Structure formats: structure tokens, C-alpha cells
Amino acid sequence: MFNTGKTYRYFEVPKTVCLELMESDSKESYMLSEVIDCFPYEQVKKRRR
């Protein structure tokens, strides 16, 4: 799921959610249940070199 190479920026995520994500045994499961579709986000565009 997370190996698409795309990068997203999430907004309005509480600090507690960030800390819980970092401590989670399964980042993917935590992201799916607590972050994705729960907070506004945008896809980060890659810079051209």
C-alpha cells in the first residue's frame, strides 16, 4: 500500500496522533484507521531537477 512512491502532506493532525503513529507497531494499520480519510491532505509534487 505504501510503496507507490507518492508522498502526501496531511493537515490538522493533532500531535497526539503523530506520536501514536510513531509508537505504533503497524504504521500502515494506524494510518488506515486514524489518519487516511480522517484529515485533509494533498499530494506533494516532486521537484524537477
Protein backbone atom coordinates (compact mmCIF):
# COMPACT_ATOMS: atom_id res chain seq x y z
CA MET A 1 0.00 0.00 0.00
CA PHE A 2 2.71 2.49 0.92
CA ASN A 3 5.20 1.62 -1.79
CA THR A 4 3.66 3.66 -4.60
CA GLY A 5 6.37 6.31 -4.34
CA LYS A 6 3.80 9.04 -3.81
CA THR A 7 4.15 11.48 -0.93
CA TYR A 8 1.26 13.12 0.87
CA ARG A 9 1.11 16.05 3.30
CA TYR A 10 -1.60 15.84 5.98
CA PHE A 11 -3.03 18.90 7.74
CA GLU A 12 -4.63 19.48 11.14
CA VAL A 13 -3.27 16.21 12.57
CA PRO A 14 -3.02 16.51 16.37
CA LYS A 15 0.37 15.98 17.95
CA THR A 16 -1.00 13.01 19.90
CA VAL A 17 -1.91 11.25 16.64
CA CYS A 18 1.61 11.83 15.29
CA LEU A 19 3.17 10.45 18.46
CA GLU A 20 0.88 7.41 18.48
CA LEU A 21 1.78 6.74 14.83
CA MET A 22 5.49 6.80 15.63
CA GLU A 23 4.95 4.36 18.52
CA SER A 24 2.65 2.05 16.57
CA ASP A 25 3.81 -1.47 15.74
CA SER A 26 1.98 -1.26 12.41
CA LYS A 27 2.29 2.15 10.75
CA GLU A 28 0.10 1.02 7.86
CA SER A 29 -2.77 -0.11 10.10
CA TYR A 30 -2.55 3.05 12.17
CA MET A 31 -2.53 5.28 9.09
CA LEU A 32 -5.56 3.47 7.68
CA SER A 33 -7.60 3.69 10.86
CA GLU A 34 -6.55 7.06 12.28
CA VAL A 35 -5.19 9.32 9.53
CA ILE A 36 -6.19 8.44 5.96
CA ASP A 37 -9.63 9.88 5.16
CA CYS A 38 -9.71 11.48 8.63
CA PHE A 39 -7.69 14.64 7.92
CA PRO A 40 -7.30 16.91 4.90
CA TYR A 41 -4.28 16.17 2.72
CA GLU A 42 -2.58 16.96 -0.55
CA GLN A 43 -0.21 15.02 -2.74
CA VAL A 44 3.26 16.55 -2.74
CA LYS A 45 4.55 17.21 -6.21
CA LYS A 46 8.11 16.18 -6.95
CA ARG A 47 10.56 18.91 -7.89
CA ARG A 48 12.14 18.76 -11.31
CA ARG A 49 15.93 18.79 -11.31
